[in-house]
Amino acid sequence: MRVSRVQAEENRQMVINVASRLFREHGFDGIGLKDLMESAGLTQGAFYKQFASKDDLAAQASRRALESAFHRWSAAAAAHPQDPLGAVIAFYLSMDHRGERMDGCPVVALGSDAARQGFDVKASFEAGIKDYLDLLGPWVGEAGDGEPGSKAMATLSTMVGAVVLARAVNDEHLSKRFLQAAAESVLTGASAGEAQQGPVQ
């Protein structure tokens, strides 16, 4: 039976959504097209009508995952406008986020994988990382002048690294300490930045 254009586009979006979660759980090379398509409720044969290659899907799924993460940061910040950084830290550097293999931060889940991928996947990650930095800049006391500031970059590096390390160990106490230490470091650094520069307008 012929699939309508509307249904074909809905199927395509479904595959991107499913892939964005399964890639975070298994890695780009940890799941094949057959399993991806089955998880989306479609056949493998439908894949090449929707995507040029698995790399094409990986780039689009990465973009979708990073957009989802950015919206999560934005929502947390909007819910706590007096302390947006604290709100993001509260969920990002938490044991709950540590356990979110399919829905957590794609930079944590796929960052090392992305480094081995092609141009389009890296471009998706670069755009998403820059979005993170744009949010962090004002929160850590840096004026937005178009270039990411060193404090925002160090803050993001600390946050991502802490979750990577927290996931890499079996010891839950050690895992929690990585997250707590990173939260203290980030919040102390942000307070120092605000004291030096005054309130961000």
C-alpha atoms as a PDB file:
ATOM      1  CA  MET A   1       0.000   0.000   0.000  1.00  0.00           C
ATOM      2  CA  ARG A   2       1.332   3.418  -0.956  1.00  0.00           C
ATOM      3  CA  VAL A   3       2.208   5.669   1.996  1.00  0.00           C
ATOM      4  CA  SER A   4       1.012   9.281   1.813  1.00  0.00           C
ATOM      5  CA  ARG A   5       3.525  12.120   2.020  1.00  0.00           C
ATOM      6  CA  VAL A   6       2.127  13.132   5.398  1.00  0.00           C
ATOM      7  CA  GLN A   7       2.465   9.589   6.760  1.00  0.00           C
ATOM      8  CA  ALA A   8       5.949   9.259   5.266  1.00  0.00           C
ATOM      9  CA  GLU A   9       7.051  12.443   7.042  1.00  0.00           C
ATOM     10  CA  GLU A  10       5.494  11.260  10.312  1.00  0.00           C
ATOM     11  CA  ASN A  11       7.381   7.972   9.936  1.00  0.00           C
ATOM     12  CA  ARG A  12      10.604   9.838   9.261  1.00  0.00           C
ATOM     13  CA  GLN A  13      10.205  11.984  12.363  1.00  0.00           C
ATOM     14  CA  MET A  14       9.427   8.880  14.407  1.00  0.00           C
ATOM     15  CA  VAL A  15      12.660   7.239  13.234  1.00  0.00           C
ATOM     16  CA  ILE A  16      14.670  10.360  14.137  1.00  0.00           C
ATOM     17  CA  ASN A  17      13.084  10.482  17.600  1.00  0.00           C
ATOM     18  CA  VAL A  18      13.669   6.796  18.264  1.00  0.00           C
ATOM     19  CA  ALA A  19      17.241   6.961  16.952  1.00  0.00           C
ATOM     20  CA  SER A  20      18.020   9.988  19.119  1.00  0.00           C
ATOM     21  CA  ARG A  21      17.211   7.875  22.190  1.00  0.00           C
ATOM     22  CA  LEU A  22      18.684   4.551  21.075  1.00  0.00           C
ATOM     23  CA  PHE A  23      21.967   6.105  19.929  1.00  0.00           C
ATOM     24  CA  ARG A  24      22.308   7.678  23.386  1.00  0.00           C
ATOM     25  CA  GLU A  25      21.757   4.287  24.973  1.00  0.00           C
ATOM     26  CA  HIS A  26      23.890   2.128  22.664  1.00  0.00           C
ATOM     27  CA  GLY A  27      26.223   4.494  20.783  1.00  0.00           C
ATOM     28  CA  PHE A  28      26.197   5.152  17.046  1.00  0.00           C
ATOM     29  CA  ASP A  29      27.763   1.785  16.254  1.00  0.00           C
ATOM     30  CA  GLY A  30      26.028  -0.158  19.014  1.00  0.00           C
ATOM     31  CA  ILE A  31      22.733  -0.620  17.204  1.00  0.00           C
ATOM     32  CA  GLY A  32      22.019  -1.610  13.615  1.00  0.00           C
ATOM     33  CA  LEU A  33      19.471  -0.264  11.156  1.00  0.00           C
ATOM     34  CA  LYS A  34      17.237  -3.320  11.474  1.00  0.00           C
ATOM     35  CA  ASP A  35      16.826  -2.865  15.233  1.00  0.00           C
ATOM     36  CA  LEU A  36      16.424   0.900  14.889  1.00  0.00           C
ATOM     37  CA  MET A  37      13.654   0.561  12.339  1.00  0.00           C
ATOM     38  CA  GLU A  38      11.917  -2.207  14.275  1.00  0.00           C
ATOM     39  CA  SER A  39      11.918   0.018  17.365  1.00  0.00           C
ATOM     40  CA  ALA A  40      10.193   2.690  15.275  1.00  0.00           C
ATOM     41  CA  GLY A  41       7.633   0.123  14.093  1.00  0.00           C
ATOM     42  CA  LEU A  42       8.924   0.117  10.515  1.00  0.00           C
ATOM     43  CA  THR A  43      10.810  -2.235   8.214  1.00  0.00           C
ATOM     44  CA  GLN A  44      14.464  -1.846   7.308  1.00  0.00           C
ATOM     45  CA  GLY A  45      13.425  -1.463   3.686  1.00  0.00           C
ATOM     46  CA  ALA A  46      11.720   1.831   4.508  1.00  0.00           C
ATOM     47  CA  PHE A  47      14.964   3.336   5.777  1.00  0.00           C
ATOM     48  CA  TYR A  48      16.499   4.271   2.433  1.00  0.00           C
ATOM     49  CA  LYS A  49      13.315   6.024   1.328  1.00  0.00           C
ATOM     50  CA  GLN A  50      13.777   8.381   4.270  1.00  0.00           C
ATOM     51  CA  PHE A  51      17.534   8.763   4.774  1.00  0.00           C
ATOM     52  CA  ALA A  52      20.601   8.841   2.560  1.00  0.00           C
ATOM     53  CA  SER A  53      22.620   6.685   4.981  1.00  0.00           C
ATOM     54  CA  LYS A  54      23.029   5.751   8.618  1.00  0.00           C
ATOM     55  CA  ASP A  55      25.386   8.747   8.908  1.00  0.00           C
ATOM     56  CA  ASP A  56      22.567  10.971   7.676  1.00  0.00           C
ATOM     57  CA  LEU A  57      20.279   9.584  10.376  1.00  0.00           C
ATOM     58  CA  ALA A  58      23.020   9.932  13.002  1.00  0.00           C
ATOM     59  CA  ALA A  59      23.412  13.628  12.193  1.00  0.00           C
ATOM     60  CA  GLN A  60      19.670  14.274  12.331  1.00  0.00           C
ATOM     61  CA  ALA A  61      19.194  12.208  15.491  1.00  0.00           C
ATOM     62  CA  SER A  62      22.085  14.076  17.132  1.00  0.00           C
ATOM     63  CA  ARG A  63      20.475  17.397  16.240  1.00  0.00           C
ATOM     64  CA  ARG A  64      17.152  16.219  17.669  1.00  0.00           C
ATOM     65  CA  ALA A  65      18.778  14.985  20.900  1.00  0.00           C
ATOM     66  CA  LEU A  66      20.667  18.242  21.399  1.00  0.00           C
ATOM     67  CA  GLU A  67      17.564  20.322  20.693  1.00  0.00           C
ATOM     68  CA  SER A  68      15.682  18.274  23.283  1.00  0.00           C
ATOM     69  CA  ALA A  69      18.453  18.809  25.839  1.00  0.00           C
ATOM     70  CA  PHE A  70      18.541  22.556  25.107  1.00  0.00           C
ATOM     71  CA  HIS A  71      14.773  22.802  25.659  1.00  0.00           C
ATOM     72  CA  ARG A  72      15.206  20.998  28.969  1.00  0.00           C
ATOM     73  CA  TRP A  73      17.838  23.528  30.073  1.00  0.00           C
ATOM     74  CA  SER A  74      15.633  26.413  28.917  1.00  0.00           C
ATOM     75  CA  ALA A  75      12.579  25.060  30.727  1.00  0.00           C
ATOM     76  CA  ALA A  76      14.510  24.637  33.979  1.00  0.00           C
ATOM     77  CA  ALA A  77      15.884  28.166  33.685  1.00  0.00           C
ATOM     78  CA  ALA A  78      12.462  29.642  32.886  1.00  0.00           C
ATOM     79  CA  ALA A  79      10.946  27.922  35.913  1.00  0.00           C
ATOM     80  CA  HIS A  80      13.614  29.463  38.187  1.00  0.00           C
ATOM     81  CA  PRO A  81      14.485  32.871  36.677  1.00  0.00           C
ATOM     82  CA  GLN A  82      16.194  34.045  39.879  1.00  0.00           C
ATOM     83  CA  ASP A  83      18.687  31.154  39.730  1.00  0.00           C
ATOM     84  CA  PRO A  84      18.751  29.581  36.253  1.00  0.00           C
ATOM     85  CA  LEU A  85      22.215  28.068  36.694  1.00  0.00           C
ATOM     86  CA  GLY A  86      21.227  26.493  40.007  1.00  0.00           C
ATOM     87  CA  ALA A  87      18.110  25.038  38.379  1.00  0.00           C
ATOM     88  CA  VAL A  88      20.089  23.457  35.546  1.00  0.00           C
ATOM     89  CA  ILE A  89      22.753  22.168  37.929  1.00  0.00           C
ATOM     90  CA  ALA A  90      20.035  20.604  40.121  1.00  0.00           C
ATOM     91  CA  PHE A  91      18.895  18.254  37.364  1.00  0.00           C
ATOM     92  CA  TYR A  92      22.071  17.954  35.287  1.00  0.00           C
ATOM     93  CA  LEU A  93      24.425  17.031  38.134  1.00  0.00           C
ATOM     94  CA  SER A  94      21.995  14.610  39.735  1.00  0.00           C
ATOM     95  CA  MET A  95      21.918  10.859  40.180  1.00  0.00           C
ATOM     96  CA  ASP A  96      18.681  10.811  38.194  1.00  0.00           C
ATOM     97  CA  HIS A  97      20.440  12.331  35.164  1.00  0.00           C
ATOM     98  CA  ARG A  98      23.335   9.947  35.676  1.00  0.00           C
ATOM     99  CA  GLY A  99      20.859   7.099  35.170  1.00  0.00           C
ATOM    100  CA  GLU A 100      19.127   8.552  32.095  1.00  0.00           C
ATOM    101  CA  ARG A 101      20.833   6.510  29.404  1.00  0.00           C
ATOM    102  CA  MET A 102      18.255   7.170  26.667  1.00  0.00           C
ATOM    103  CA  ASP A 103      17.084  10.675  27.521  1.00  0.00           C
ATOM    104  CA  GLY A 104      20.088  12.301  29.143  1.00  0.00           C
ATOM    105  CA  CYS A 105      22.568  14.779  27.703  1.00  0.00           C
ATOM    106  CA  PRO A 106      23.778  13.613  24.275  1.00  0.00           C
ATOM    107  CA  VAL A 107      27.173  15.254  24.814  1.00  0.00           C
ATOM    108  CA  VAL A 108      27.710  12.963  27.797  1.00  0.00           C
ATOM    109  CA  ALA A 109      26.290   9.888  26.084  1.00  0.00           C
ATOM    110  CA  LEU A 110      27.807  10.358  22.634  1.00  0.00           C
ATOM    111  CA  GLY A 111      30.597  12.934  22.880  1.00  0.00           C
ATOM    112  CA  SER A 112      33.457  10.469  22.432  1.00  0.00           C
ATOM    113  CA  ASP A 113      31.494   8.676  19.697  1.00  0.00           C
ATOM    114  CA  ALA A 114      30.861  11.964  17.888  1.00  0.00           C
ATOM    115  CA  ALA A 115      34.597  12.593  17.724  1.00  0.00           C
ATOM    116  CA  ARG A 116      34.889   9.532  15.453  1.00  0.00           C
ATOM    117  CA  GLN A 117      31.969  10.466  13.194  1.00  0.00           C
ATOM    118  CA  GLY A 118      31.844  12.505  10.010  1.00  0.00           C
ATOM    119  CA  PHE A 119      31.400  16.212   9.409  1.00  0.00           C
ATOM    120  CA  ASP A 120      27.595  16.322   9.694  1.00  0.00           C
ATOM    121  CA  VAL A 121      27.409  14.602  13.080  1.00  0.00           C
ATOM    122  CA  LYS A 122      30.153  16.862  14.433  1.00  0.00           C
ATOM    123  CA  ALA A 123      28.306  19.896  13.032  1.00  0.00           C
ATOM    124  CA  SER A 124      25.176  18.846  14.938  1.00  0.00           C
ATOM    125  CA  PHE A 125      27.169  18.537  18.153  1.00  0.00           C
ATOM    126  CA  GLU A 126      28.975  21.820  17.564  1.00  0.00           C
ATOM    127  CA  ALA A 127      25.682  23.683  17.141  1.00  0.00           C
ATOM    128  CA  GLY A 128      24.214  22.079  20.265  1.00  0.00           C
ATOM    129  CA  ILE A 129      27.304  22.772  22.361  1.00  0.00           C
ATOM    130  CA  LYS A 130      27.299  26.414  21.260  1.00  0.00           C
ATOM    131  CA  ASP A 131      23.652  26.651  22.344  1.00  0.00           C
ATOM    132  CA  TYR A 132      24.635  25.354  25.795  1.00  0.00           C
ATOM    133  CA  LEU A 133      27.434  27.937  25.973  1.00  0.00           C
ATOM    134  CA  ASP A 134      25.102  30.766  24.929  1.00  0.00           C
ATOM    135  CA  LEU A 135      22.858  29.929  27.876  1.00  0.00           C
ATOM    136  CA  LEU A 136      25.712  29.497  30.344  1.00  0.00           C
ATOM    137  CA  GLY A 137      27.562  32.733  29.508  1.00  0.00           C
ATOM    138  CA  PRO A 138      25.237  35.209  31.241  1.00  0.00           C
ATOM    139  CA  TRP A 139      24.621  32.785  34.113  1.00  0.00           C
ATOM    140  CA  VAL A 140      28.336  32.697  34.991  1.00  0.00           C
ATOM    141  CA  GLY A 141      28.816  36.440  34.609  1.00  0.00           C
ATOM    142  CA  GLU A 142      30.051  36.720  31.029  1.00  0.00           C
ATOM    143  CA  ALA A 143      28.711  39.262  28.576  1.00  0.00           C
ATOM    144  CA  GLY A 144      27.457  37.807  25.309  1.00  0.00           C
ATOM    145  CA  ASP A 145      29.788  39.170  22.625  1.00  0.00           C
ATOM    146  CA  GLY A 146      29.342  36.386  20.073  1.00  0.00           C
ATOM    147  CA  GLU A 147      32.274  34.266  21.255  1.00  0.00           C
ATOM    148  CA  PRO A 148      31.889  31.700  24.046  1.00  0.00           C
ATOM    149  CA  GLY A 149      33.697  32.869  27.171  1.00  0.00           C
ATOM    150  CA  SER A 150      36.300  30.767  28.948  1.00  0.00           C
ATOM    151  CA  LYS A 151      34.191  30.572  32.118  1.00  0.00           C
ATOM    152  CA  ALA A 152      31.187  29.169  30.234  1.00  0.00           C
ATOM    153  CA  MET A 153      33.449  26.686  28.457  1.00  0.00           C
ATOM    154  CA  ALA A 154      35.066  25.573  31.727  1.00  0.00           C
ATOM    155  CA  THR A 155      31.632  25.275  33.358  1.00  0.00           C
ATOM    156  CA  LEU A 156      30.260  23.082  30.578  1.00  0.00           C
ATOM    157  CA  SER A 157      33.427  20.973  30.564  1.00  0.00           C
ATOM    158  CA  THR A 158      33.102  20.433  34.312  1.00  0.00           C
ATOM    159  CA  MET A 159      29.433  19.493  34.078  1.00  0.00           C
ATOM    160  CA  VAL A 160      29.825  17.077  31.172  1.00  0.00           C
ATOM    161  CA  GLY A 161      32.982  15.521  32.605  1.00  0.00           C
ATOM    162  CA  ALA A 162      31.369  14.962  35.995  1.00  0.00           C
ATOM    163  CA  VAL A 163      28.438  13.043  34.516  1.00  0.00           C
ATOM    164  CA  VAL A 164      30.774  10.985  32.305  1.00  0.00           C
ATOM    165  CA  LEU A 165      32.852  10.031  35.358  1.00  0.00           C
ATOM    166  CA  ALA A 166      29.761   9.414  37.498  1.00  0.00           C
ATOM    167  CA  ARG A 167      28.483   6.952  34.892  1.00  0.00           C
ATOM    168  CA  ALA A 168      31.847   5.254  34.489  1.00  0.00           C
ATOM    169  CA  VAL A 169      32.096   3.894  38.042  1.00  0.00           C
ATOM    170  CA  ASN A 170      30.165   1.215  39.943  1.00  0.00           C
ATOM    171  CA  ASP A 171      30.576   2.859  43.349  1.00  0.00           C
ATOM    172  CA  GLU A 172      27.427   4.970  43.843  1.00  0.00           C
ATOM    173  CA  HIS A 173      29.007   6.998  46.642  1.00  0.00           C
ATOM    174  CA  LEU A 174      31.969   7.913  44.439  1.00  0.00           C
ATOM    175  CA  SER A 175      29.582   8.646  41.571  1.00  0.00           C
ATOM    176  CA  LYS A 176      27.556  11.026  43.742  1.00  0.00           C
ATOM    177  CA  ARG A 177      30.717  12.752  44.961  1.00  0.00           C
ATOM    178  CA  PHE A 178      31.792  13.505  41.386  1.00  0.00           C
ATOM    179  CA  LEU A 179      28.444  15.201  40.796  1.00  0.00           C
ATOM    180  CA  GLN A 180      28.480  17.090  44.093  1.00  0.00           C
ATOM    181  CA  ALA A 181      32.061  18.276  43.632  1.00  0.00           C
ATOM    182  CA  ALA A 182      31.269  19.546  40.141  1.00  0.00           C
ATOM    183  CA  ALA A 183      28.139  21.349  41.361  1.00  0.00           C
ATOM    184  CA  GLU A 184      30.090  23.057  44.147  1.00  0.00           C
ATOM    185  CA  SER A 185      32.865  24.066  41.747  1.00  0.00           C
ATOM    186  CA  VAL A 186      30.481  25.462  39.138  1.00  0.00           C
ATOM    187  CA  LEU A 187      28.323  27.380  41.609  1.00  0.00           C
ATOM    188  CA  THR A 188      31.348  28.783  43.476  1.00  0.00           C
ATOM    189  CA  GLY A 189      32.897  29.896  40.195  1.00  0.00           C
ATOM    190  CA  ALA A 190      29.658  31.522  39.063  1.00  0.00           C
ATOM    191  CA  SER A 191      29.333  33.424  42.352  1.00  0.00           C
ATOM    192  CA  ALA A 192      32.890  34.672  42.007  1.00  0.00           C
ATOM    193  CA  GLY A 193      32.201  35.822  38.443  1.00  0.00           C
ATOM    194  CA  GLU A 194      29.099  37.746  39.492  1.00  0.00           C
ATOM    195  CA  ALA A 195      31.007  39.409  42.325  1.00  0.00           C
ATOM    196  CA  GLN A 196      33.718  40.580  39.923  1.00  0.00           C
ATOM    197  CA  GLN A 197      31.442  41.816  37.153  1.00  0.00           C
ATOM    198  CA  GLY A 198      28.317  42.856  39.015  1.00  0.00           C
ATOM    199  CA  PRO A 199      24.805  41.711  38.157  1.00  0.00           C
ATOM    200  CA  VAL A 200      24.188  40.619  34.568  1.00  0.00           C
ATOM    201  CA  GLN A 201      21.585  42.792  32.862  1.00  0.00           C
END
